[in-house]
Amino acid sequence: MTELEQKLCELANLLIEEFNPCQIKDGGCLVSVDNPCCKISRFGSPCPYMQNKCKNPNLECKIWFCGTSIKNMDSKCLESFKSLESIAKQFNLTKRPFLGDTNYLGADKL
């Protein structure tokens, strides 16, 4: 992990802590009581990093949100994540779009 990627993850963590964009509570999210986005993660089922509002240093996970989360997200939070995504794309730290990516099977698509 590059230093830039690490810093972007740290910024994403701050936003997640401040705004809780998925409204994680008791293992659930805005869409479902069992938080399916994180249950089907590439890190296993359920994702071992979901405890403590996801402290995993993985930029791809940190900057993707389902459509429902985006619709309910604070506008400052959304714009901040768009900025992080833009920087990540500019430095080839991500391979695909993440904010509302309709090709990803998120909680609001299950």
C-alpha atoms as a PDB file:
ATOM      1  CA  MET A   1       0.000   0.000   0.000  1.00  0.00           C
ATOM      2  CA  THR A   2       1.385   3.375  -0.976  1.00  0.00           C
ATOM      3  CA  GLU A   3       1.528   6.261   1.461  1.00  0.00           C
ATOM      4  CA  LEU A   4      -1.071   8.115  -0.612  1.00  0.00           C
ATOM      5  CA  GLU A   5      -3.451   5.157  -0.511  1.00  0.00           C
ATOM      6  CA  GLN A   6      -2.952   4.870   3.238  1.00  0.00           C
ATOM      7  CA  LYS A   7      -3.764   8.567   3.720  1.00  0.00           C
ATOM      8  CA  LEU A   8      -6.868   8.288   1.534  1.00  0.00           C
ATOM      9  CA  CYS A   9      -8.011   5.340   3.664  1.00  0.00           C
ATOM     10  CA  GLU A  10      -7.424   7.383   6.809  1.00  0.00           C
ATOM     11  CA  LEU A  11      -9.515  10.235   5.376  1.00  0.00           C
ATOM     12  CA  ALA A  12     -12.243   7.780   4.406  1.00  0.00           C
ATOM     13  CA  ASN A  13     -12.197   6.390   7.962  1.00  0.00           C
ATOM     14  CA  LEU A  14     -12.669   9.890   9.352  1.00  0.00           C
ATOM     15  CA  LEU A  15     -15.664  10.449   7.076  1.00  0.00           C
ATOM     16  CA  ILE A  16     -17.135   7.052   7.959  1.00  0.00           C
ATOM     17  CA  GLU A  17     -16.760   7.785  11.676  1.00  0.00           C
ATOM     18  CA  GLU A  18     -18.166  11.295  11.388  1.00  0.00           C
ATOM     19  CA  PHE A  19     -21.114  10.607   9.066  1.00  0.00           C
ATOM     20  CA  ASN A  20     -21.741   6.821   9.291  1.00  0.00           C
ATOM     21  CA  PRO A  21     -23.003   6.874   5.664  1.00  0.00           C
ATOM     22  CA  CYS A  22     -24.308   3.289   5.730  1.00  0.00           C
ATOM     23  CA  GLN A  23     -25.923   3.842   9.124  1.00  0.00           C
ATOM     24  CA  ILE A  24     -24.191   0.750  10.514  1.00  0.00           C
ATOM     25  CA  LYS A  25     -25.775  -0.357  13.765  1.00  0.00           C
ATOM     26  CA  ASP A  26     -25.828  -3.787  15.374  1.00  0.00           C
ATOM     27  CA  GLY A  27     -24.364  -5.358  12.223  1.00  0.00           C
ATOM     28  CA  GLY A  28     -27.058  -3.921   9.947  1.00  0.00           C
ATOM     29  CA  CYS A  29     -27.216  -0.987   7.565  1.00  0.00           C
ATOM     30  CA  LEU A  30     -29.731   1.366   5.940  1.00  0.00           C
ATOM     31  CA  VAL A  31     -30.957  -1.375   3.637  1.00  0.00           C
ATOM     32  CA  SER A  32     -30.859  -4.535   5.681  1.00  0.00           C
ATOM     33  CA  VAL A  33     -30.537  -5.821   9.221  1.00  0.00           C
ATOM     34  CA  ASP A  34     -27.703  -8.118   8.181  1.00  0.00           C
ATOM     35  CA  ASN A  35     -25.660  -5.627   6.094  1.00  0.00           C
ATOM     36  CA  PRO A  36     -25.343  -7.750   2.924  1.00  0.00           C
ATOM     37  CA  CYS A  37     -22.731  -5.535   1.187  1.00  0.00           C
ATOM     38  CA  CYS A  38     -20.194  -6.423   3.816  1.00  0.00           C
ATOM     39  CA  LYS A  39     -21.401 -10.007   4.185  1.00  0.00           C
ATOM     40  CA  ILE A  40     -20.469 -10.742   0.578  1.00  0.00           C
ATOM     41  CA  SER A  41     -17.091  -9.009   0.680  1.00  0.00           C
ATOM     42  CA  ARG A  42     -13.960 -10.494  -0.833  1.00  0.00           C
ATOM     43  CA  PHE A  43     -12.577 -10.769   2.698  1.00  0.00           C
ATOM     44  CA  GLY A  44     -15.085 -13.415   3.680  1.00  0.00           C
ATOM     45  CA  SER A  45     -18.601 -13.748   4.916  1.00  0.00           C
ATOM     46  CA  PRO A  46     -19.260 -11.866   7.041  1.00  0.00           C
ATOM     47  CA  CYS A  47     -16.462  -9.407   6.461  1.00  0.00           C
ATOM     48  CA  PRO A  48     -14.143  -9.599   9.478  1.00  0.00           C
ATOM     49  CA  TYR A  49     -13.437  -5.877   9.209  1.00  0.00           C
ATOM     50  CA  MET A  50     -17.023  -4.682   9.728  1.00  0.00           C
ATOM     51  CA  GLN A  51     -16.630  -4.526  13.472  1.00  0.00           C
ATOM     52  CA  ASN A  52     -15.755  -0.986  14.554  1.00  0.00           C
ATOM     53  CA  LYS A  53     -17.241   0.542  11.366  1.00  0.00           C
ATOM     54  CA  CYS A  54     -14.683  -0.988   9.018  1.00  0.00           C
ATOM     55  CA  LYS A  55     -11.090  -0.211   9.848  1.00  0.00           C
ATOM     56  CA  ASN A  56      -9.762  -2.279   6.936  1.00  0.00           C
ATOM     57  CA  PRO A  57      -7.159  -0.333   4.941  1.00  0.00           C
ATOM     58  CA  ASN A  58      -8.745  -1.154   1.584  1.00  0.00           C
ATOM     59  CA  LEU A  59      -9.544   1.885  -0.521  1.00  0.00           C
ATOM     60  CA  GLU A  60     -11.881   0.033  -2.878  1.00  0.00           C
ATOM     61  CA  CYS A  61     -14.172  -0.933  -0.003  1.00  0.00           C
ATOM     62  CA  LYS A  62     -13.971   2.461   1.652  1.00  0.00           C
ATOM     63  CA  ILE A  63     -15.138   4.541  -1.308  1.00  0.00           C
ATOM     64  CA  TRP A  64     -17.979   2.383  -2.635  1.00  0.00           C
ATOM     65  CA  PHE A  65     -21.525   2.923  -1.412  1.00  0.00           C
ATOM     66  CA  CYS A  66     -24.815   1.490  -2.649  1.00  0.00           C
ATOM     67  CA  GLY A  67     -27.412   3.761  -4.233  1.00  0.00           C
ATOM     68  CA  THR A  68     -29.572   3.794  -1.111  1.00  0.00           C
ATOM     69  CA  SER A  69     -26.659   4.942   1.012  1.00  0.00           C
ATOM     70  CA  ILE A  70     -25.786   7.658  -1.512  1.00  0.00           C
ATOM     71  CA  LYS A  71     -29.379   8.956  -1.582  1.00  0.00           C
ATOM     72  CA  ASN A  72     -29.388   9.219   2.214  1.00  0.00           C
ATOM     73  CA  MET A  73     -25.829  10.524   2.591  1.00  0.00           C
ATOM     74  CA  ASP A  74     -25.058  13.989   3.884  1.00  0.00           C
ATOM     75  CA  SER A  75     -24.109  16.159   0.886  1.00  0.00           C
ATOM     76  CA  LYS A  76     -20.756  17.175   2.408  1.00  0.00           C
ATOM     77  CA  CYS A  77     -19.927  13.542   3.021  1.00  0.00           C
ATOM     78  CA  LEU A  78     -20.834  12.559  -0.554  1.00  0.00           C
ATOM     79  CA  GLU A  79     -18.763  15.361  -2.077  1.00  0.00           C
ATOM     80  CA  SER A  80     -15.831  14.382   0.138  1.00  0.00           C
ATOM     81  CA  PHE A  81     -16.011  10.765  -1.016  1.00  0.00           C
ATOM     82  CA  LYS A  82     -16.229  11.936  -4.628  1.00  0.00           C
ATOM     83  CA  SER A  83     -13.008  13.885  -4.049  1.00  0.00           C
ATOM     84  CA  LEU A  84     -11.283  10.834  -2.566  1.00  0.00           C
ATOM     85  CA  GLU A  85     -12.474   8.733  -5.482  1.00  0.00           C
ATOM     86  CA  SER A  86     -11.175  11.300  -7.974  1.00  0.00           C
ATOM     87  CA  ILE A  87      -7.714  11.334  -6.376  1.00  0.00           C
ATOM     88  CA  ALA A  88      -7.649   7.528  -6.249  1.00  0.00           C
ATOM     89  CA  LYS A  89      -8.532   7.303  -9.956  1.00  0.00           C
ATOM     90  CA  GLN A  90      -5.968   9.947 -10.915  1.00  0.00           C
ATOM     91  CA  PHE A  91      -3.183   7.927  -9.274  1.00  0.00           C
ATOM     92  CA  ASN A  92      -4.490   4.536 -10.512  1.00  0.00           C
ATOM     93  CA  LEU A  93      -5.286   3.349  -7.000  1.00  0.00           C
ATOM     94  CA  THR A  94      -8.693   2.057  -8.070  1.00  0.00           C
ATOM     95  CA  LYS A  95      -9.733   0.069 -11.106  1.00  0.00           C
ATOM     96  CA  ARG A  96     -13.428   0.921 -11.422  1.00  0.00           C
ATOM     97  CA  PRO A  97     -16.011   3.493 -10.313  1.00  0.00           C
ATOM     98  CA  PHE A  98     -17.338   2.927  -6.816  1.00  0.00           C
ATOM     99  CA  LEU A  99     -19.853   5.556  -5.827  1.00  0.00           C
ATOM    100  CA  GLY A 100     -23.136   4.011  -6.895  1.00  0.00           C
ATOM    101  CA  ASP A 101     -21.512   1.575  -9.338  1.00  0.00           C
ATOM    102  CA  THR A 102     -24.546  -0.210 -10.808  1.00  0.00           C
ATOM    103  CA  ASN A 103     -22.442  -3.219 -11.821  1.00  0.00           C
ATOM    104  CA  TYR A 104     -21.753  -4.043  -8.177  1.00  0.00           C
ATOM    105  CA  LEU A 105     -24.284  -6.156  -6.331  1.00  0.00           C
ATOM    106  CA  GLY A 106     -24.836  -3.945  -3.294  1.00  0.00           C
ATOM    107  CA  ALA A 107     -27.328  -4.258  -0.464  1.00  0.00           C
ATOM    108  CA  ASP A 108     -29.993  -2.295  -2.291  1.00  0.00           C
ATOM    109  CA  LYS A 109     -29.788  -4.690  -5.260  1.00  0.00           C
ATOM    110  CA  LEU A 110     -30.239  -7.942  -3.311  1.00  0.00           C
END
